[in-house]
């Protein structure tokens, strides 16, 4: 059965990846959803993605800003890898998670989260920094994902040799530390202002 990978950038230009396995996945901005996307363009309950033996489907959940596939508004539609999904103005790339699909791996959702120091977390251990990235399936993982007796850094998903991620030089500046203390709504307002200012200065 196919698994999907959703990839998008947050308001502050950070990349997020969400892996979806079989089942029904409610997507929205608030905490009672299966997948929470904390973006202003996304409604509290925006859409539902279903993955089963009959295929992949997406249904709008009476969202405020609409659900679009490849630029066309949809109420309910099949969903295929390679399509562009828009939740309001938020653009999401839909891809097949080939490594998980081929190996019949875990059906649980996982995502790489931004950490306070500017790096990203392991997909499985979200409180640990990712130390490796697979060039084949782009799986992010940490030392805890490696077998204790293994001296190699093979990808735990597809077995390919992984690249070490160089996080050297990443350190929170005083400005970033101050921003980190802001409430989420102020962080969003700051991000939108920065984008507007950059656009104005072009």
N, C-alpha and C. Protein backbone atom coordinates (compact mmCIF):
# COMPACT_ATOMS: atom_id res chain seq x y z
N UNK A 1 0.84 -1.19 0.00
CA UNK A 1 0.00 0.00 0.00
C UNK A 1 0.88 1.25 0.00
N UNK A 2 0.47 2.23 -0.77
CA UNK A 2 1.28 3.43 -0.93
C UNK A 2 1.29 4.30 0.32
N UNK A 3 2.45 4.92 0.59
CA UNK A 3 2.56 5.92 1.64
C UNK A 3 2.90 7.24 0.98
N UNK A 4 2.48 8.33 1.59
CA UNK A 4 2.71 9.64 1.01
C UNK A 4 3.61 10.48 1.89
N UNK A 5 4.31 11.40 1.24
CA UNK A 5 5.14 12.37 1.94
C UNK A 5 4.68 13.76 1.53
N UNK A 6 4.35 14.59 2.51
CA UNK A 6 3.96 15.98 2.26
C UNK A 6 5.12 16.89 2.64
N UNK A 7 5.49 17.77 1.74
CA UNK A 7 6.62 18.67 2.00
C UNK A 7 6.19 20.10 1.75
N UNK A 8 6.48 20.98 2.70
CA UNK A 8 6.11 22.39 2.54
C UNK A 8 7.08 23.26 3.34
N UNK A 9 6.98 24.57 3.12
CA UNK A 9 7.79 25.53 3.87
C UNK A 9 6.88 26.36 4.75
N UNK A 10 7.33 26.60 5.98
CA UNK A 10 6.56 27.39 6.93
C UNK A 10 6.66 28.87 6.58
N UNK A 11 5.92 29.69 7.32
CA UNK A 11 5.93 31.14 7.08
C UNK A 11 7.32 31.74 7.20
N UNK A 12 8.19 31.12 8.02
CA UNK A 12 9.55 31.63 8.18
C UNK A 12 10.56 30.83 7.36
N UNK A 13 10.05 30.19 6.26
CA UNK A 13 10.89 29.52 5.27
C UNK A 13 11.63 28.29 5.79
N UNK A 14 11.07 27.60 6.77
CA UNK A 14 11.65 26.35 7.23
C UNK A 14 10.92 25.18 6.58
N UNK A 15 11.69 24.20 6.12
CA UNK A 15 11.09 23.06 5.44
C UNK A 15 10.52 22.07 6.44
N UNK A 16 9.31 21.60 6.16
CA UNK A 16 8.67 20.59 7.01
C UNK A 16 8.30 19.39 6.14
N UNK A 17 8.45 18.21 6.70
CA UNK A 17 8.10 16.97 6.00
C UNK A 17 7.18 16.15 6.89
N UNK A 18 6.07 15.69 6.32
CA UNK A 18 5.11 14.87 7.05
C UNK A 18 4.93 13.56 6.28
N UNK A 19 5.07 12.44 6.96
CA UNK A 19 4.88 11.13 6.35
C UNK A 19 3.52 10.58 6.75
N UNK A 20 2.76 10.11 5.77
CA UNK A 20 1.42 9.58 6.02
C UNK A 20 1.35 8.12 5.60
N UNK A 21 0.87 7.28 6.50
CA UNK A 21 0.66 5.87 6.20
C UNK A 21 -0.82 5.60 5.97
N UNK A 22 -1.21 4.33 5.89
CA UNK A 22 -2.60 3.97 5.66
C UNK A 22 -3.51 4.52 6.76
N UNK A 23 -4.71 4.92 6.37
CA UNK A 23 -5.68 5.42 7.33
C UNK A 23 -6.23 6.77 6.92
N UNK A 24 -6.98 7.35 7.84
CA UNK A 24 -7.60 8.66 7.62
C UNK A 24 -6.84 9.71 8.41
N UNK A 25 -6.46 10.78 7.76
CA UNK A 25 -5.63 11.81 8.39
C UNK A 25 -6.34 13.16 8.30
N UNK A 26 -6.80 13.65 9.42
CA UNK A 26 -7.44 14.96 9.47
C UNK A 26 -6.36 16.03 9.59
N UNK A 27 -6.42 17.02 8.72
CA UNK A 27 -5.40 18.06 8.68
C UNK A 27 -6.02 19.41 8.99
N UNK A 28 -5.38 20.16 9.88
CA UNK A 28 -5.89 21.48 10.23
C UNK A 28 -4.93 22.22 11.14
N UNK A 29 -5.38 23.39 11.61
CA UNK A 29 -4.50 24.27 12.36
C UNK A 29 -4.51 24.02 13.86
N UNK A 30 -5.53 23.34 14.39
CA UNK A 30 -5.64 23.19 15.83
C UNK A 30 -5.31 21.76 16.27
N UNK A 31 -5.14 21.61 17.58
CA UNK A 31 -4.51 20.40 18.13
C UNK A 31 -5.33 19.13 18.01
N UNK A 32 -6.65 19.22 17.75
CA UNK A 32 -7.43 17.98 17.71
C UNK A 32 -7.36 17.28 16.35
N UNK A 33 -6.56 17.81 15.42
CA UNK A 33 -6.35 17.15 14.14
C UNK A 33 -5.26 16.08 14.26
N UNK A 34 -5.26 15.14 13.31
CA UNK A 34 -4.20 14.14 13.27
C UNK A 34 -2.88 14.77 12.82
N UNK A 35 -2.97 15.70 11.88
CA UNK A 35 -1.81 16.44 11.40
C UNK A 35 -2.07 17.92 11.62
N UNK A 36 -1.25 18.55 12.44
CA UNK A 36 -1.43 19.96 12.77
C UNK A 36 -0.45 20.79 11.94
N UNK A 37 -0.99 21.73 11.16
CA UNK A 37 -0.17 22.67 10.39
C UNK A 37 -0.52 24.06 10.89
N UNK A 38 0.37 24.64 11.67
CA UNK A 38 0.09 25.91 12.33
C UNK A 38 0.44 27.08 11.41
N UNK A 39 -0.40 27.25 10.38
CA UNK A 39 -0.23 28.34 9.42
C UNK A 39 -1.56 29.07 9.29
N UNK A 40 -1.50 30.41 9.13
CA UNK A 40 -2.73 31.20 9.06
C UNK A 40 -3.60 30.83 7.87
N UNK A 41 -2.99 30.36 6.78
CA UNK A 41 -3.76 30.00 5.59
C UNK A 41 -4.59 28.74 5.79
N UNK A 42 -4.24 27.95 6.80
CA UNK A 42 -4.91 26.67 7.05
C UNK A 42 -6.04 26.85 8.04
N UNK A 43 -7.21 26.30 7.72
CA UNK A 43 -8.36 26.40 8.61
C UNK A 43 -8.19 25.49 9.82
N UNK A 44 -9.01 25.72 10.85
CA UNK A 44 -8.94 24.88 12.05
C UNK A 44 -9.09 23.41 11.69
N UNK A 45 -10.06 23.10 10.84
CA UNK A 45 -10.22 21.76 10.27
C UNK A 45 -10.28 21.95 8.76
N UNK A 46 -9.20 21.64 8.07
CA UNK A 46 -9.11 22.04 6.66
C UNK A 46 -9.50 20.93 5.69
N UNK A 47 -8.92 19.75 5.84
CA UNK A 47 -9.20 18.67 4.89
C UNK A 47 -8.90 17.32 5.53
N UNK A 48 -9.25 16.27 4.80
CA UNK A 48 -8.99 14.90 5.26
C UNK A 48 -8.34 14.13 4.11
N UNK A 49 -7.20 13.51 4.39
CA UNK A 49 -6.55 12.64 3.41
C UNK A 49 -6.74 11.20 3.85
N UNK A 50 -7.23 10.36 2.95
CA UNK A 50 -7.45 8.95 3.23
C UNK A 50 -6.55 8.10 2.35
N UNK A 51 -5.85 7.17 2.96
CA UNK A 51 -4.98 6.24 2.24
C UNK A 51 -5.44 4.82 2.55
N UNK A 52 -5.90 4.11 1.54
CA UNK A 52 -6.33 2.72 1.76
C UNK A 52 -6.05 1.91 0.50
N UNK A 53 -6.57 0.67 0.46
CA UNK A 53 -6.29 -0.21 -0.67
C UNK A 53 -6.92 0.29 -1.97
N UNK A 54 -7.88 1.19 -1.87
CA UNK A 54 -8.52 1.73 -3.07
C UNK A 54 -7.77 2.93 -3.64
N UNK A 55 -6.77 3.42 -2.93
CA UNK A 55 -6.02 4.58 -3.41
C UNK A 55 -5.92 5.67 -2.37
N UNK A 56 -5.55 6.86 -2.84
CA UNK A 56 -5.42 8.03 -1.97
C UNK A 56 -6.47 9.06 -2.35
N UNK A 57 -7.10 9.66 -1.36
CA UNK A 57 -8.15 10.63 -1.61
C UNK A 57 -8.02 11.80 -0.65
N UNK A 58 -8.46 12.96 -1.13
CA UNK A 58 -8.50 14.14 -0.27
C UNK A 58 -9.89 14.75 -0.34
N UNK A 59 -10.39 15.23 0.79
CA UNK A 59 -11.70 15.86 0.85
C UNK A 59 -11.59 17.14 1.66
N UNK A 60 -12.13 18.22 1.13
CA UNK A 60 -12.15 19.48 1.86
C UNK A 60 -13.13 19.36 3.02
N UNK A 61 -12.78 19.98 4.15
CA UNK A 61 -13.63 19.90 5.36
C UNK A 61 -14.30 21.25 5.61
N UNK A 62 -14.92 21.79 4.56
CA UNK A 62 -15.58 23.11 4.65
C UNK A 62 -14.61 24.17 5.15
N UNK A 63 -13.40 24.15 4.58
CA UNK A 63 -12.38 25.11 5.00
C UNK A 63 -12.72 26.52 4.53
N UNK A 64 -12.13 27.50 5.18
CA UNK A 64 -12.41 28.89 4.86
C UNK A 64 -11.77 29.30 3.53
N UNK A 65 -10.55 28.83 3.28
CA UNK A 65 -9.81 29.30 2.11
C UNK A 65 -9.72 28.26 0.99
N UNK A 66 -10.32 27.10 1.18
CA UNK A 66 -10.39 26.12 0.11
C UNK A 66 -9.21 25.17 0.01
N UNK A 67 -9.46 24.05 -0.67
CA UNK A 67 -8.44 23.04 -0.94
C UNK A 67 -8.27 22.93 -2.45
N UNK A 68 -7.02 22.99 -2.93
CA UNK A 68 -6.76 23.03 -4.36
C UNK A 68 -5.72 21.97 -4.73
N UNK A 69 -5.94 21.33 -5.88
CA UNK A 69 -4.97 20.39 -6.44
C UNK A 69 -4.54 20.90 -7.79
N UNK A 70 -3.25 21.14 -7.95
CA UNK A 70 -2.71 21.68 -9.20
C UNK A 70 -3.48 22.92 -9.65
N UNK A 71 -3.85 23.75 -8.69
CA UNK A 71 -4.50 25.02 -8.98
C UNK A 71 -6.01 24.98 -9.10
N UNK A 72 -6.61 23.79 -9.09
CA UNK A 72 -8.06 23.66 -9.24
C UNK A 72 -8.71 23.35 -7.89
N UNK A 73 -9.78 24.07 -7.58
CA UNK A 73 -10.50 23.82 -6.32
C UNK A 73 -11.11 22.42 -6.35
N UNK A 74 -10.99 21.71 -5.23
CA UNK A 74 -11.59 20.38 -5.14
C UNK A 74 -12.41 20.27 -3.85
N UNK A 75 -13.52 19.58 -3.96
CA UNK A 75 -14.30 19.23 -2.78
C UNK A 75 -13.91 17.84 -2.31
N UNK A 76 -13.74 16.94 -3.29
CA UNK A 76 -13.28 15.58 -3.03
C UNK A 76 -12.60 15.08 -4.29
N UNK A 77 -11.43 14.46 -4.13
CA UNK A 77 -10.68 14.09 -5.33
C UNK A 77 -9.64 13.03 -5.00
N UNK A 78 -9.30 12.18 -5.99
CA UNK A 78 -8.14 11.30 -5.82
C UNK A 78 -6.89 12.16 -5.65
N UNK A 79 -5.91 11.64 -4.92
CA UNK A 79 -4.68 12.37 -4.65
C UNK A 79 -3.50 11.51 -5.10
N UNK A 80 -2.64 12.09 -5.95
CA UNK A 80 -1.53 11.32 -6.52
C UNK A 80 -0.19 11.99 -6.24
N UNK A 81 0.86 11.19 -6.05
CA UNK A 81 2.20 11.77 -5.92
C UNK A 81 2.53 12.61 -7.14
N UNK A 82 3.22 13.71 -6.92
CA UNK A 82 3.57 14.61 -8.01
C UNK A 82 2.64 15.80 -8.12
N UNK A 83 1.49 15.73 -7.45
CA UNK A 83 0.56 16.85 -7.49
C UNK A 83 0.97 17.92 -6.48
N UNK A 84 0.50 19.14 -6.75
CA UNK A 84 0.70 20.25 -5.83
C UNK A 84 -0.60 20.51 -5.09
N UNK A 85 -0.54 20.44 -3.78
CA UNK A 85 -1.72 20.65 -2.94
C UNK A 85 -1.61 22.03 -2.30
N UNK A 86 -2.67 22.81 -2.41
CA UNK A 86 -2.73 24.10 -1.74
C UNK A 86 -3.84 24.10 -0.70
N UNK A 87 -3.48 24.39 0.54
CA UNK A 87 -4.46 24.63 1.59
C UNK A 87 -4.52 26.14 1.75
N UNK A 88 -5.52 26.76 1.12
CA UNK A 88 -5.50 28.21 1.02
C UNK A 88 -4.29 28.61 0.19
N UNK A 89 -3.43 29.46 0.76
CA UNK A 89 -2.23 29.90 0.04
C UNK A 89 -1.00 29.06 0.37
N UNK A 90 -1.13 28.09 1.27
CA UNK A 90 0.01 27.25 1.64
C UNK A 90 0.20 26.15 0.61
N UNK A 91 1.36 26.13 -0.05
CA UNK A 91 1.64 25.14 -1.09
C UNK A 91 2.36 23.94 -0.50
N UNK A 92 1.85 22.75 -0.80
CA UNK A 92 2.42 21.50 -0.30
C UNK A 92 2.69 20.57 -1.48
N UNK A 93 3.91 20.03 -1.52
CA UNK A 93 4.24 19.06 -2.56
C UNK A 93 3.86 17.66 -2.07
N UNK A 94 3.15 16.92 -2.91
CA UNK A 94 2.73 15.56 -2.57
C UNK A 94 3.67 14.58 -3.26
N UNK A 95 4.32 13.73 -2.48
CA UNK A 95 5.28 12.77 -3.04
C UNK A 95 5.02 11.38 -2.47
N UNK A 96 5.48 10.38 -3.18
CA UNK A 96 5.40 9.01 -2.66
C UNK A 96 6.60 8.76 -1.77
N UNK A 97 6.35 8.22 -0.59
CA UNK A 97 7.45 7.83 0.30
C UNK A 97 7.90 6.44 -0.12
N UNK A 98 8.76 6.39 -1.14
CA UNK A 98 9.10 5.12 -1.79
C UNK A 98 9.75 4.13 -0.86
N UNK A 99 10.62 4.61 0.01
CA UNK A 99 11.34 3.68 0.89
C UNK A 99 10.39 2.93 1.79
N UNK A 100 9.43 3.65 2.37
CA UNK A 100 8.47 3.02 3.27
C UNK A 100 7.52 2.13 2.50
N UNK A 101 7.09 2.59 1.30
CA UNK A 101 6.15 1.81 0.51
C UNK A 101 6.75 0.48 0.09
N UNK A 102 8.00 0.51 -0.37
CA UNK A 102 8.62 -0.71 -0.88
C UNK A 102 8.92 -1.70 0.23
N UNK A 103 9.28 -1.20 1.41
CA UNK A 103 9.69 -2.10 2.47
C UNK A 103 8.58 -2.43 3.44
N UNK A 104 7.40 -1.81 3.25
CA UNK A 104 6.29 -2.08 4.15
C UNK A 104 6.60 -1.64 5.55
N UNK A 105 7.24 -0.47 5.69
CA UNK A 105 7.66 0.02 7.00
C UNK A 105 6.51 0.51 7.84
N UNK A 106 6.86 1.23 8.88
CA UNK A 106 5.88 1.71 9.84
C UNK A 106 4.84 2.58 9.18
N UNK A 107 3.59 2.45 9.58
CA UNK A 107 2.52 3.27 9.04
C UNK A 107 2.29 4.51 9.87
N UNK A 108 3.07 4.72 10.91
CA UNK A 108 2.88 5.89 11.75
C UNK A 108 3.42 7.12 11.05
N UNK A 109 2.77 8.27 11.31
CA UNK A 109 3.23 9.53 10.76
C UNK A 109 4.46 9.98 11.53
N UNK A 110 5.36 10.64 10.83
CA UNK A 110 6.49 11.27 11.50
C UNK A 110 6.89 12.48 10.70
N UNK A 111 7.57 13.41 11.35
CA UNK A 111 8.03 14.59 10.66
C UNK A 111 9.28 15.12 11.33
N UNK A 112 10.08 15.82 10.56
CA UNK A 112 11.28 16.45 11.09
C UNK A 112 10.89 17.83 11.60
N UNK A 113 11.22 18.10 12.86
CA UNK A 113 10.82 19.36 13.48
C UNK A 113 12.01 20.30 13.59
N UNK A 114 11.77 21.61 13.42
CA UNK A 114 12.86 22.57 13.62
C UNK A 114 13.22 22.65 15.10
N UNK A 115 14.51 22.63 15.40
CA UNK A 115 14.97 22.74 16.78
C UNK A 115 15.42 24.17 17.06
N UNK A 116 15.56 24.48 18.34
CA UNK A 116 15.83 25.86 18.73
C UNK A 116 17.16 26.39 18.22
N UNK A 117 18.11 25.49 17.97
CA UNK A 117 19.42 25.95 17.51
C UNK A 117 19.49 26.15 16.01
N UNK A 118 18.35 25.96 15.31
CA UNK A 118 18.32 26.16 13.87
C UNK A 118 18.47 24.89 13.07
N UNK A 119 18.77 23.78 13.71
CA UNK A 119 18.87 22.50 13.02
C UNK A 119 17.49 21.83 12.98
N UNK A 120 17.45 20.59 12.45
CA UNK A 120 16.20 19.84 12.36
C UNK A 120 16.33 18.51 13.08
N UNK A 121 15.19 18.01 13.53
CA UNK A 121 15.20 16.78 14.31
C UNK A 121 15.22 15.54 13.43
N UNK A 122 15.59 14.46 14.06
CA UNK A 122 15.44 13.12 13.47
C UNK A 122 13.95 12.87 13.23
N UNK A 123 13.62 12.15 12.16
CA UNK A 123 12.22 11.86 11.88
C UNK A 123 11.59 10.97 12.95
N UNK A 124 12.37 10.08 13.53
CA UNK A 124 11.84 9.15 14.53
C UNK A 124 11.97 9.69 15.95
N UNK A 125 13.14 10.24 16.27
CA UNK A 125 13.39 10.79 17.61
C UNK A 125 13.35 12.31 17.51
N UNK A 126 12.17 12.88 17.73
CA UNK A 126 11.98 14.30 17.41
C UNK A 126 12.62 15.25 18.41
N UNK A 127 13.17 14.72 19.50
CA UNK A 127 13.89 15.58 20.45
C UNK A 127 15.40 15.53 20.21
N UNK A 128 15.82 14.81 19.17
CA UNK A 128 17.25 14.70 18.86
C UNK A 128 17.54 15.26 17.48
N UNK A 129 18.68 15.91 17.38
CA UNK A 129 19.09 16.50 16.10
C UNK A 129 19.39 15.40 15.08
N UNK A 130 18.93 15.59 13.84
CA UNK A 130 19.27 14.66 12.77
C UNK A 130 20.76 14.77 12.46
N UNK A 131 21.44 13.65 12.42
CA UNK A 131 22.87 13.65 12.13
C UNK A 131 23.20 13.16 10.73
N UNK A 132 22.20 12.51 10.08
CA UNK A 132 22.44 11.92 8.77
C UNK A 132 21.23 12.15 7.87
N UNK A 133 21.49 12.26 6.56
CA UNK A 133 20.43 12.33 5.56
C UNK A 133 20.74 11.36 4.45
N UNK A 134 19.74 10.54 4.11
CA UNK A 134 19.92 9.57 3.04
C UNK A 134 19.78 10.28 1.69
N UNK A 135 20.78 10.19 0.80
CA UNK A 135 20.67 10.84 -0.51
C UNK A 135 19.68 10.15 -1.43
N UNK A 136 19.28 8.93 -1.08
CA UNK A 136 18.36 8.18 -1.92
C UNK A 136 16.90 8.48 -1.59
N UNK A 137 16.53 8.35 -0.30
CA UNK A 137 15.13 8.56 0.09
C UNK A 137 14.94 9.80 0.95
N UNK A 138 16.05 10.51 1.24
CA UNK A 138 16.02 11.77 2.01
C UNK A 138 15.50 11.58 3.43
N UNK A 139 15.69 10.40 3.98
CA UNK A 139 15.28 10.13 5.36
C UNK A 139 16.30 10.78 6.30
N UNK A 140 15.80 11.52 7.30
CA UNK A 140 16.65 12.15 8.30
C UNK A 140 16.68 11.29 9.56
N UNK A 141 17.87 10.96 10.05
CA UNK A 141 17.94 10.11 11.24
C UNK A 141 19.13 10.49 12.10
N UNK A 142 19.15 9.95 13.31
CA UNK A 142 20.19 10.29 14.28
C UNK A 142 20.96 9.03 14.68
N UNK A 143 21.93 9.20 15.57
CA UNK A 143 22.74 8.05 16.01
C UNK A 143 21.91 6.98 16.70
N UNK A 144 20.82 7.39 17.36
CA UNK A 144 19.97 6.43 18.07
C UNK A 144 19.26 5.48 17.11
N UNK A 145 19.17 5.86 15.83
CA UNK A 145 18.51 5.01 14.84
C UNK A 145 19.43 3.90 14.34
N UNK A 146 20.74 4.03 14.60
CA UNK A 146 21.70 3.05 14.11
C UNK A 146 21.82 1.88 15.07
N UNK A 147 21.97 0.66 14.56
CA UNK A 147 22.20 -0.49 15.44
C UNK A 147 23.46 -0.25 16.27
N UNK A 148 23.41 -0.64 17.54
CA UNK A 148 24.52 -0.36 18.45
C UNK A 148 25.83 -1.00 17.99
N UNK A 149 25.74 -2.13 17.27
CA UNK A 149 26.95 -2.82 16.85
C UNK A 149 27.43 -2.35 15.47
N UNK A 150 26.68 -1.45 14.83
CA UNK A 150 27.02 -1.03 13.48
C UNK A 150 28.00 0.14 13.49
N UNK A 151 29.00 0.06 12.62
CA UNK A 151 29.96 1.16 12.49
C UNK A 151 29.64 2.02 11.27
N UNK A 152 28.65 1.60 10.48
CA UNK A 152 28.29 2.35 9.28
C UNK A 152 27.11 3.27 9.57
N UNK A 153 26.82 4.14 8.61
CA UNK A 153 25.69 5.05 8.74
C UNK A 153 24.67 4.79 7.64
N UNK A 154 24.34 3.52 7.45
CA UNK A 154 23.36 3.16 6.42
C UNK A 154 21.97 3.63 6.83
N UNK A 155 21.20 4.05 5.83
CA UNK A 155 19.84 4.53 6.08
C UNK A 155 18.98 3.41 6.66
N UNK A 156 18.29 3.64 7.78
CA UNK A 156 17.44 2.59 8.36
C UNK A 156 16.19 2.32 7.55
N UNK A 157 15.88 3.18 6.57
CA UNK A 157 14.69 2.99 5.75
C UNK A 157 14.98 2.19 4.48
N UNK A 158 16.03 2.61 3.74
CA UNK A 158 16.28 1.95 2.45
C UNK A 158 17.62 1.25 2.38
N UNK A 159 18.49 1.44 3.38
CA UNK A 159 19.77 0.75 3.41
C UNK A 159 20.89 1.43 2.66
N UNK A 160 20.61 2.53 1.98
CA UNK A 160 21.66 3.23 1.24
C UNK A 160 22.60 3.94 2.21
N UNK A 161 23.82 4.19 1.75
CA UNK A 161 24.77 4.93 2.56
C UNK A 161 24.31 6.37 2.74
N UNK A 162 24.32 6.86 3.96
CA UNK A 162 23.80 8.20 4.24
C UNK A 162 24.93 9.21 4.38
N UNK A 163 24.59 10.47 4.14
CA UNK A 163 25.54 11.57 4.29
C UNK A 163 25.43 12.15 5.69
N UNK A 164 26.58 12.52 6.25
CA UNK A 164 26.59 13.21 7.54
C UNK A 164 26.16 14.66 7.32
N UNK A 165 25.23 15.14 8.14
CA UNK A 165 24.78 16.53 8.04
C UNK A 165 25.72 17.42 8.83
N UNK A 166 26.22 18.44 8.17
CA UNK A 166 27.14 19.38 8.82
C UNK A 166 26.35 20.54 9.42
N UNK A 167 26.17 20.51 10.73
CA UNK A 167 25.45 21.59 11.43
C UNK A 167 26.44 22.59 12.04
N UNK A 168 27.71 22.52 11.67
CA UNK A 168 28.70 23.40 12.29
C UNK A 168 28.36 24.86 12.00
N UNK A 169 28.61 25.69 12.98
CA UNK A 169 28.35 27.12 12.81
C UNK A 169 26.95 27.53 13.18
N UNK A 170 26.07 26.54 13.45
CA UNK A 170 24.70 26.90 13.84
C UNK A 170 24.69 27.26 15.31
N UNK A 171 24.29 28.46 15.58
CA UNK A 171 24.18 28.91 16.96
C UNK A 171 23.14 30.01 17.01
N UNK A 172 22.31 30.01 18.00
CA UNK A 172 21.27 31.03 18.11
C UNK A 172 21.89 32.40 18.36
N UNK A 173 21.52 33.38 17.54
CA UNK A 173 21.96 34.75 17.77
C UNK A 173 21.07 35.37 18.85
N UNK A 174 21.49 36.50 19.45
CA UNK A 174 20.61 37.17 20.42
C UNK A 174 19.24 37.49 19.84
N UNK A 175 19.22 37.85 18.54
CA UNK A 175 17.93 38.15 17.90
C UNK A 175 17.06 36.91 17.84
N UNK A 176 17.66 35.77 17.43
CA UNK A 176 16.90 34.52 17.35
C UNK A 176 16.41 34.08 18.73
N UNK A 177 17.25 34.28 19.75
CA UNK A 177 16.85 33.92 21.11
C UNK A 177 15.66 34.75 21.56
N UNK A 178 15.67 36.04 21.20
CA UNK A 178 14.54 36.91 21.56
C UNK A 178 13.28 36.48 20.83
N UNK A 179 13.43 36.15 19.55
CA UNK A 179 12.27 35.70 18.77
C UNK A 179 11.70 34.41 19.34
N UNK A 180 12.57 33.54 19.84
CA UNK A 180 12.12 32.26 20.37
C UNK A 180 11.24 32.44 21.60
N UNK A 181 11.40 33.56 22.31
CA UNK A 181 10.60 33.82 23.50
C UNK A 181 9.25 34.44 23.17
N UNK A 182 9.06 34.85 21.92
CA UNK A 182 7.80 35.47 21.52
C UNK A 182 6.67 34.45 21.50
N UNK A 183 5.44 34.87 21.83
CA UNK A 183 4.28 33.99 21.61
C UNK A 183 4.16 33.68 20.12
N UNK A 184 3.53 32.54 19.79
CA UNK A 184 3.44 32.11 18.40
C UNK A 184 2.77 33.14 17.50
N UNK A 185 1.73 33.82 18.00
CA UNK A 185 1.03 34.78 17.15
C UNK A 185 1.93 35.97 16.79
N UNK A 186 2.80 36.37 17.74
CA UNK A 186 3.73 37.46 17.44
C UNK A 186 4.83 37.01 16.49
N UNK A 187 5.24 35.73 16.62
CA UNK A 187 6.23 35.20 15.69
C UNK A 187 5.69 35.24 14.26
N UNK A 188 4.43 34.86 14.10
CA UNK A 188 3.83 34.87 12.76
C UNK A 188 3.74 36.29 12.23
N UNK A 189 3.28 37.22 13.09
CA UNK A 189 3.18 38.61 12.66
C UNK A 189 4.54 39.15 12.25
N UNK A 190 5.58 38.82 13.01
CA UNK A 190 6.94 39.24 12.67
C UNK A 190 7.38 38.66 11.34
N UNK A 191 7.07 37.38 11.11
CA UNK A 191 7.45 36.75 9.86
C UNK A 191 6.78 37.39 8.66
N UNK A 192 5.47 37.67 8.77
CA UNK A 192 4.76 38.31 7.67
C UNK A 192 5.28 39.72 7.41
N UNK A 193 5.63 40.43 8.49
CA UNK A 193 6.17 41.78 8.33
C UNK A 193 7.51 41.73 7.61
N UNK A 194 8.34 40.75 7.97
CA UNK A 194 9.64 40.61 7.32
C UNK A 194 9.49 40.34 5.82
N UNK A 195 8.51 39.47 5.47
CA UNK A 195 8.28 39.18 4.07
C UNK A 195 7.79 40.42 3.33
N UNK A 196 6.88 41.17 3.96
CA UNK A 196 6.36 42.39 3.33
C UNK A 196 7.48 43.40 3.13
N UNK A 197 8.35 43.55 4.13
CA UNK A 197 9.45 44.50 4.05
C UNK A 197 10.41 44.12 2.92
N UNK A 198 10.72 42.81 2.83
CA UNK A 198 11.62 42.35 1.77
C UNK A 198 11.03 42.61 0.40
N UNK A 199 9.71 42.37 0.26
CA UNK A 199 9.02 42.62 -1.01
C UNK A 199 9.01 44.10 -1.35
N UNK A 200 8.81 44.95 -0.35
CA UNK A 200 8.77 46.40 -0.56
C UNK A 200 10.13 46.94 -0.99
N UNK A 201 11.19 46.34 -0.45
CA UNK A 201 12.53 46.83 -0.73
C UNK A 201 13.10 46.34 -2.05
N UNK A 202 12.38 45.40 -2.69
CA UNK A 202 12.89 44.88 -3.97
C UNK A 202 12.86 45.96 -5.06
